[in-house]
N, C-alpha and C. Protein backbone atom coordinates (compact mmCIF):
# COMPACT_ATOMS: atom_id res chain seq x y z
N MET A 1 203.62 376.35 -111.07
CA MET A 1 202.22 376.49 -111.38
C MET A 1 201.29 377.05 -110.31
N ASN A 2 200.90 377.94 -110.82
CA ASN A 2 199.96 378.64 -110.05
C ASN A 2 198.31 378.07 -108.98
N ASN A 3 197.44 378.76 -108.63
CA ASN A 3 196.42 378.08 -108.20
C ASN A 3 195.42 377.28 -109.42
N LYS A 4 195.46 378.56 -110.14
CA LYS A 4 194.33 378.07 -111.63
C LYS A 4 194.95 377.04 -112.48
N SER A 5 195.89 377.31 -112.67
CA SER A 5 196.87 375.89 -113.38
C SER A 5 196.81 374.68 -112.68
N VAL A 6 196.46 374.54 -111.64
CA VAL A 6 196.69 373.36 -110.41
C VAL A 6 195.03 373.22 -110.61
N HIS A 7 194.24 373.60 -110.05
CA HIS A 7 192.81 373.40 -110.13
C HIS A 7 192.72 372.81 -111.54
N GLN A 8 193.06 373.38 -112.36
CA GLN A 8 192.81 372.81 -114.39
C GLN A 8 193.16 371.63 -114.15
N TYR A 9 194.15 371.31 -114.19
CA TYR A 9 195.05 369.98 -114.15
C TYR A 9 194.01 368.88 -113.04
N LEU A 10 193.57 368.93 -111.85
CA LEU A 10 193.21 368.47 -111.43
C LEU A 10 192.05 367.76 -111.55
N MET A 11 191.70 368.79 -112.40
CA MET A 11 189.95 368.47 -112.48
C MET A 11 190.41 367.44 -114.26
N THR A 12 191.17 367.31 -114.43
CA THR A 12 191.42 366.92 -115.79
C THR A 12 191.11 364.89 -115.46
N LYS A 13 191.39 364.97 -114.28
CA LYS A 13 191.20 363.62 -113.73
C LYS A 13 189.88 363.33 -113.63
N PRO A 14 190.08 361.71 -114.65
CA PRO A 14 188.27 361.12 -114.71
C PRO A 14 187.62 360.92 -113.20
N TYR A 15 186.54 361.75 -113.17
CA TYR A 15 185.50 361.68 -112.21
C TYR A 15 185.73 362.72 -110.89
N ALA A 16 187.01 363.67 -111.44
CA ALA A 16 187.18 364.18 -110.42
C ALA A 16 186.21 365.14 -110.00
N SER A 17 186.10 365.79 -108.61
CA SER A 17 185.23 366.71 -108.06
C SER A 17 185.64 367.84 -107.21
N VAL A 18 185.46 368.70 -106.95
CA VAL A 18 185.50 369.37 -106.24
C VAL A 18 184.68 370.06 -105.16
N SER A 19 185.00 370.18 -103.99
CA SER A 19 184.25 370.24 -103.10
C SER A 19 184.77 371.32 -101.79
N GLN A 20 183.81 372.36 -100.60
CA GLN A 20 184.21 372.60 -99.91
C GLN A 20 183.89 372.20 -98.50
N PRO A 21 184.31 371.51 -98.08
CA PRO A 21 183.59 370.35 -96.97
C PRO A 21 184.22 371.32 -95.52
N PHE A 22 185.11 371.76 -95.76
CA PHE A 22 185.77 372.26 -94.28
C PHE A 22 185.70 373.66 -94.52
N GLY A 23 184.98 374.58 -95.47
CA GLY A 23 184.37 375.61 -95.92
C GLY A 23 185.25 376.33 -97.02
N PRO A 24 184.46 377.85 -97.25
CA PRO A 24 184.90 378.13 -98.48
C PRO A 24 186.06 378.15 -98.44
N GLU A 25 187.26 378.02 -98.08
CA GLU A 25 188.63 378.25 -97.83
C GLU A 25 189.68 377.65 -98.45
N VAL A 26 188.70 376.07 -98.10
CA VAL A 26 189.74 375.14 -98.82
C VAL A 26 188.87 373.95 -100.11
N ASP A 27 189.45 373.92 -101.40
CA ASP A 27 188.91 373.32 -101.75
C ASP A 27 189.44 371.65 -101.96
N VAL A 28 188.16 370.75 -102.07
CA VAL A 28 188.64 369.54 -101.58
C VAL A 28 188.47 368.72 -102.72
N TYR A 29 189.46 367.87 -103.50
CA TYR A 29 189.11 367.67 -104.63
C TYR A 29 189.18 365.72 -105.11
N LYS A 30 188.02 365.28 -105.08
CA LYS A 30 188.34 363.61 -105.44
C LYS A 30 187.78 363.17 -105.97
N VAL A 31 187.74 361.89 -106.15
CA VAL A 31 187.90 360.85 -107.36
C VAL A 31 186.74 359.86 -106.69
N LYS A 32 185.48 360.30 -107.40
CA LYS A 32 184.45 359.02 -106.95
C LYS A 32 184.34 359.23 -104.99
N ASP A 33 184.08 360.53 -104.74
CA ASP A 33 184.47 360.46 -103.41
C ASP A 33 185.24 360.48 -102.27
N LYS A 34 186.51 359.66 -102.94
CA LYS A 34 187.76 359.65 -101.96
C LYS A 34 188.50 360.70 -102.46
N MET A 35 189.07 361.58 -101.66
CA MET A 35 189.81 362.72 -101.36
C MET A 35 191.33 362.59 -101.87
N PHE A 36 191.84 363.25 -102.91
CA PHE A 36 193.15 363.11 -103.41
C PHE A 36 193.96 364.04 -103.48
N ALA A 37 193.44 365.58 -102.97
CA ALA A 37 194.19 366.72 -103.15
C ALA A 37 193.34 367.38 -102.31
N THR A 38 193.82 368.57 -101.81
CA THR A 38 193.17 369.69 -101.50
C THR A 38 194.27 371.00 -101.60
N LEU A 39 193.56 371.90 -101.82
CA LEU A 39 194.18 373.05 -102.27
C LEU A 39 193.65 374.57 -101.36
N SER A 40 194.72 375.13 -100.86
CA SER A 40 193.82 376.55 -99.85
C SER A 40 195.38 378.04 -99.74
N LEU A 41 194.56 378.78 -99.65
CA LEU A 41 195.58 380.07 -99.36
C LEU A 41 196.19 380.11 -98.29
N SER A 42 197.72 379.69 -98.12
CA SER A 42 198.05 379.97 -96.96
C SER A 42 198.67 381.21 -96.15
N LYS A 43 197.97 381.66 -95.30
CA LYS A 43 198.38 383.33 -94.52
C LYS A 43 199.86 383.09 -93.88
N MET A 44 200.79 382.25 -93.83
CA MET A 44 201.60 382.32 -92.97
C MET A 44 202.46 383.45 -92.62
N LYS A 45 202.83 383.97 -91.41
CA LYS A 45 203.44 385.35 -91.45
C LYS A 45 204.85 384.68 -91.34
N ALA A 46 205.65 385.93 -92.23
CA ALA A 46 206.98 386.11 -92.16
C ALA A 46 207.31 386.86 -91.16
N LYS A 47 208.84 387.12 -90.57
CA LYS A 47 208.97 387.81 -89.61
C LYS A 47 208.71 389.55 -90.17
N THR A 48 209.05 389.69 -91.29
CA THR A 48 208.56 391.54 -91.43
C THR A 48 207.55 391.61 -92.34
N GLU A 49 206.91 390.77 -92.99
CA GLU A 49 205.35 391.07 -93.89
C GLU A 49 205.19 389.50 -94.44
N PRO A 50 203.45 389.22 -94.22
CA PRO A 50 202.76 388.15 -94.37
C PRO A 50 203.19 387.46 -95.96
N ASP A 51 203.25 386.37 -96.18
CA ASP A 51 203.38 385.52 -97.17
C ASP A 51 202.19 384.77 -97.52
N GLU A 52 201.45 385.21 -99.18
CA GLU A 52 200.71 384.09 -98.64
C GLU A 52 201.06 383.80 -100.07
N HIS A 53 200.58 382.10 -99.87
CA HIS A 53 200.88 380.69 -101.23
C HIS A 53 200.13 380.24 -100.93
N TRP A 54 199.58 379.41 -102.21
CA TRP A 54 198.33 378.41 -101.97
C TRP A 54 199.42 377.46 -101.49
N TRP A 55 198.45 376.14 -100.94
CA TRP A 55 199.15 375.05 -100.42
C TRP A 55 198.21 374.21 -101.10
N LEU A 56 198.70 373.22 -101.81
CA LEU A 56 198.04 371.76 -102.13
C LEU A 56 198.67 370.69 -101.66
N ASN A 57 197.99 370.11 -100.45
CA ASN A 57 198.03 368.95 -100.04
C ASN A 57 197.56 367.53 -101.02
N LEU A 58 198.62 366.53 -101.03
CA LEU A 58 198.66 365.30 -102.07
C LEU A 58 199.08 364.48 -100.73
N LYS A 59 198.61 363.36 -101.79
CA LYS A 59 198.69 361.91 -101.01
C LYS A 59 200.04 361.58 -101.77
N CYS A 60 200.48 360.51 -101.11
CA CYS A 60 202.07 360.15 -101.07
C CYS A 60 202.59 358.68 -100.59
N ASP A 61 203.51 358.01 -101.34
CA ASP A 61 204.21 356.84 -100.57
C ASP A 61 204.74 357.74 -99.83
N PRO A 62 204.67 356.43 -98.75
CA PRO A 62 205.64 357.37 -97.55
C PRO A 62 207.21 357.62 -97.59
N ASP A 63 207.75 356.53 -98.47
CA ASP A 63 209.54 356.90 -98.69
C ASP A 63 209.37 357.88 -99.72
N GLU A 64 208.52 358.03 -100.78
CA GLU A 64 208.34 359.54 -101.61
C GLU A 64 208.72 360.54 -100.85
N ALA A 65 207.08 360.28 -100.03
CA ALA A 65 206.90 361.75 -99.32
C ALA A 65 208.52 362.46 -98.52
N GLN A 66 208.71 361.60 -97.98
CA GLN A 66 210.21 361.98 -97.09
C GLN A 66 211.87 362.51 -98.21
N ALA A 67 211.67 361.34 -99.39
CA ALA A 67 212.20 362.22 -100.59
C ALA A 67 211.83 363.59 -100.53
N LEU A 68 210.72 363.55 -101.19
CA LEU A 68 210.59 365.26 -101.68
C LEU A 68 210.65 365.95 -101.00
N ARG A 69 210.49 365.36 -99.34
CA ARG A 69 211.11 366.56 -98.30
C ARG A 69 212.47 367.14 -98.53
N ASP A 70 213.20 365.73 -98.87
CA ASP A 70 214.56 366.35 -98.58
C ASP A 70 215.01 367.16 -99.78
N ILE A 71 214.05 366.84 -101.01
CA ILE A 71 214.76 367.65 -102.54
C ILE A 71 214.50 368.86 -102.44
N PHE A 72 213.34 369.28 -102.11
CA PHE A 72 212.42 370.58 -102.28
C PHE A 72 212.20 371.21 -101.28
N ASP A 73 212.37 372.39 -100.44
CA ASP A 73 212.45 373.10 -99.51
C ASP A 73 210.85 373.56 -99.32
N ALA A 74 209.76 373.74 -100.59
CA ALA A 74 208.25 373.69 -100.73
C ALA A 74 207.82 373.02 -100.89
N VAL A 75 208.16 371.21 -100.16
CA VAL A 75 207.15 370.51 -99.89
C VAL A 75 207.61 370.10 -98.46
N ILE A 76 206.53 370.08 -97.82
CA ILE A 76 206.59 370.33 -96.30
C ILE A 76 205.97 368.51 -95.75
N PRO A 77 205.63 368.22 -95.09
CA PRO A 77 204.78 367.19 -94.05
C PRO A 77 203.70 367.70 -94.32
N GLY A 78 202.00 367.27 -94.16
CA GLY A 78 201.10 367.14 -94.96
C GLY A 78 200.61 368.37 -93.67
N TYR A 79 199.76 368.85 -93.92
CA TYR A 79 199.16 370.36 -92.78
C TYR A 79 197.89 369.84 -92.49
N HIS A 80 197.81 369.53 -91.59
CA HIS A 80 196.04 369.05 -91.33
C HIS A 80 195.78 367.71 -91.89
N MET A 81 197.02 367.10 -91.89
CA MET A 81 197.03 365.59 -92.29
C MET A 81 197.32 364.52 -91.77
N ASN A 82 197.69 363.23 -92.28
CA ASN A 82 198.70 362.45 -91.83
C ASN A 82 200.26 362.70 -92.64
N LYS A 83 201.01 363.00 -91.86
CA LYS A 83 202.40 363.61 -91.76
C LYS A 83 202.95 362.31 -92.74
N ARG A 84 202.88 360.73 -92.93
CA ARG A 84 203.59 360.04 -92.76
C ARG A 84 202.86 359.92 -94.92
N LEU A 85 201.82 360.23 -94.92
CA LEU A 85 201.14 359.79 -95.88
C LEU A 85 200.51 361.21 -96.92
N TRP A 86 200.70 361.83 -96.79
CA TRP A 86 200.48 363.31 -97.01
C TRP A 86 201.64 364.31 -97.18
N ASN A 87 201.94 365.28 -98.17
CA ASN A 87 202.78 366.17 -98.50
C ASN A 87 201.81 367.35 -98.29
N THR A 88 202.72 368.47 -98.23
CA THR A 88 201.77 369.73 -98.76
C THR A 88 203.07 371.08 -99.46
N VAL A 89 202.48 370.87 -100.92
CA VAL A 89 203.54 371.47 -101.83
C VAL A 89 203.01 373.17 -101.70
N ILE A 90 204.17 373.96 -101.20
CA ILE A 90 203.46 375.35 -101.27
C ILE A 90 204.24 375.73 -102.95
N LEU A 91 203.04 376.46 -103.14
CA LEU A 91 202.92 376.93 -104.81
C LEU A 91 203.91 378.14 -104.93
N ASP A 92 205.39 378.35 -104.67
CA ASP A 92 205.72 379.63 -104.27
C ASP A 92 206.79 379.62 -105.99
N GLY A 93 206.29 378.82 -106.80
CA GLY A 93 207.43 378.56 -108.22
C GLY A 93 208.25 378.64 -108.37
N SER A 94 208.89 377.54 -106.92
CA SER A 94 210.03 376.75 -107.10
C SER A 94 210.12 375.16 -107.76
N ILE A 95 209.02 374.65 -107.58
CA ILE A 95 208.89 373.35 -107.91
C ILE A 95 208.26 373.17 -109.49
N PRO A 96 208.95 372.54 -110.34
CA PRO A 96 208.75 372.53 -111.93
C PRO A 96 207.66 371.84 -112.20
N LYS A 97 206.49 372.45 -112.71
CA LYS A 97 205.42 372.00 -113.65
C LYS A 97 205.39 370.86 -113.67
N GLY A 98 206.29 370.04 -114.08
CA GLY A 98 206.38 368.56 -114.49
C GLY A 98 206.13 368.10 -113.23
N GLU A 99 207.11 368.72 -112.18
CA GLU A 99 207.21 367.84 -111.53
C GLU A 99 205.91 368.22 -110.58
N ILE A 100 204.96 368.88 -110.28
CA ILE A 100 203.63 369.19 -109.82
C ILE A 100 202.87 368.27 -110.23
N GLU A 101 203.01 368.16 -111.47
CA GLU A 101 201.79 367.25 -111.97
C GLU A 101 202.19 365.61 -111.68
N ARG A 102 203.41 365.70 -112.13
CA ARG A 102 203.61 364.06 -111.28
C ARG A 102 203.22 363.45 -110.10
N MET A 103 203.50 364.57 -109.09
CA MET A 103 202.96 364.37 -107.87
C MET A 103 201.97 364.61 -107.96
N ILE A 104 200.51 365.26 -108.68
CA ILE A 104 199.28 364.98 -108.34
C ILE A 104 198.68 363.67 -109.07
N ASP A 105 199.47 363.26 -110.15
CA ASP A 105 199.26 361.80 -110.63
C ASP A 105 199.02 360.99 -110.24
N ASN A 106 200.36 360.69 -109.18
CA ASN A 106 200.78 359.40 -107.90
C ASN A 106 199.41 360.01 -107.25
N SER A 107 199.31 361.40 -106.47
CA SER A 107 198.47 361.12 -105.59
C SER A 107 196.79 360.20 -105.80
N PHE A 108 196.64 360.90 -107.05
CA PHE A 108 194.97 360.22 -108.08
C PHE A 108 195.45 358.75 -107.70
N LEU A 109 196.36 358.11 -108.43
CA LEU A 109 196.80 356.92 -108.52
C LEU A 109 196.65 356.05 -107.28
N LEU A 110 197.38 356.45 -106.23
CA LEU A 110 197.30 355.81 -104.80
C LEU A 110 195.64 355.96 -104.34
N VAL A 111 195.26 356.74 -104.69
CA VAL A 111 193.61 356.83 -103.91
C VAL A 111 192.68 355.64 -105.12
N VAL A 112 192.90 355.80 -106.29
CA VAL A 112 192.20 355.08 -106.80
C VAL A 112 192.73 353.23 -106.32
N GLN A 113 194.12 353.42 -106.48
CA GLN A 113 194.19 351.52 -106.34
C GLN A 113 194.08 351.56 -105.19
N LYS A 114 193.55 352.04 -103.92
CA LYS A 114 191.96 351.83 -102.84
C LYS A 114 191.05 351.30 -103.03
N MET A 115 190.72 351.46 -104.06
CA MET A 115 189.37 350.82 -104.51
C MET A 115 188.57 350.64 -105.40
N SER A 116 187.08 349.03 -105.32
CA SER A 116 187.33 348.02 -105.70
C SER A 116 187.62 348.25 -107.25
N LYS A 117 187.85 346.88 -107.63
CA LYS A 117 188.24 346.70 -109.26
C LYS A 117 187.34 347.00 -109.82
N SER A 118 186.05 347.30 -109.83
CA SER A 118 185.52 347.17 -110.76
C SER A 118 185.99 348.78 -111.27
N GLU A 119 185.65 349.75 -109.86
CA GLU A 119 186.10 351.52 -109.81
C GLU A 119 187.25 351.74 -110.55
N GLN A 120 188.23 350.76 -110.41
CA GLN A 120 189.70 350.46 -110.62
C GLN A 120 189.80 350.75 -112.46
N ARG A 121 189.12 350.01 -112.75
CA ARG A 121 188.50 349.98 -114.30
C ARG A 121 188.29 350.99 -114.70
N SER A 122 187.20 351.16 -114.44
CA SER A 122 186.14 352.33 -114.65
C SER A 122 187.33 353.70 -115.25
N ILE A 123 187.83 353.99 -113.87
CA ILE A 123 188.42 355.24 -114.08
C ILE A 123 190.15 354.74 -114.87
N MET A 124 190.56 353.69 -115.11
CA MET A 124 191.75 353.83 -116.10
C MET A 124 191.22 353.41 -117.43
N LEU A 125 189.88 352.97 -117.48
CA LEU A 125 189.50 353.40 -119.17
C LEU A 125 189.19 354.44 -119.24
N HIS A 126 189.05 355.41 -118.33
CA HIS A 126 189.18 357.05 -118.82
C HIS A 126 190.20 357.41 -119.00
N LEU A 127 191.54 357.16 -117.93
CA LEU A 127 192.62 357.48 -118.75
C LEU A 127 193.38 357.26 -119.71
N ASP A 128 193.16 355.75 -120.02
CA ASP A 128 193.51 355.25 -121.08
C ASP A 128 192.56 356.61 -122.40
N SER A 129 191.64 356.20 -122.65
CA SER A 129 191.03 357.20 -123.50
C SER A 129 191.41 358.74 -123.72
N ASP A 130 191.67 358.98 -122.44
CA ASP A 130 192.08 360.19 -122.40
C ASP A 130 193.55 360.25 -122.99
N ARG A 131 194.54 359.97 -123.09
CA ARG A 131 195.76 359.67 -123.40
C ARG A 131 195.46 359.70 -125.58
N GLU A 132 194.36 358.73 -125.57
CA GLU A 132 194.42 358.97 -127.07
C GLU A 132 194.72 359.86 -127.71
């Protein structure tokens, strides 16, 4: 997945919005004002030349976060985030699309689970109607 397809997928989530509270270089994705992802272009310097990849921060269960880091070289502790609860997914083409979508879905649901029961019901109704 590239940054455009990731953005499109993030925006399919019920009540998803995007803003740039940290400046124009970081897109912040929220569900009902609660952050579930960020997307930004990283300009990390390699030894010989610059390496530019989009970085996707996603909330994650702590045990799963570590497991994903062990499985995928392109998953690292959350950059500028709580490293126990967030992962950074480097969009370098090495992780299958379905796996990135699954990680996005999990991040979204983890955030929704912390909301009030009425907000959860509203969001889940939208999810269910989208699946039909």
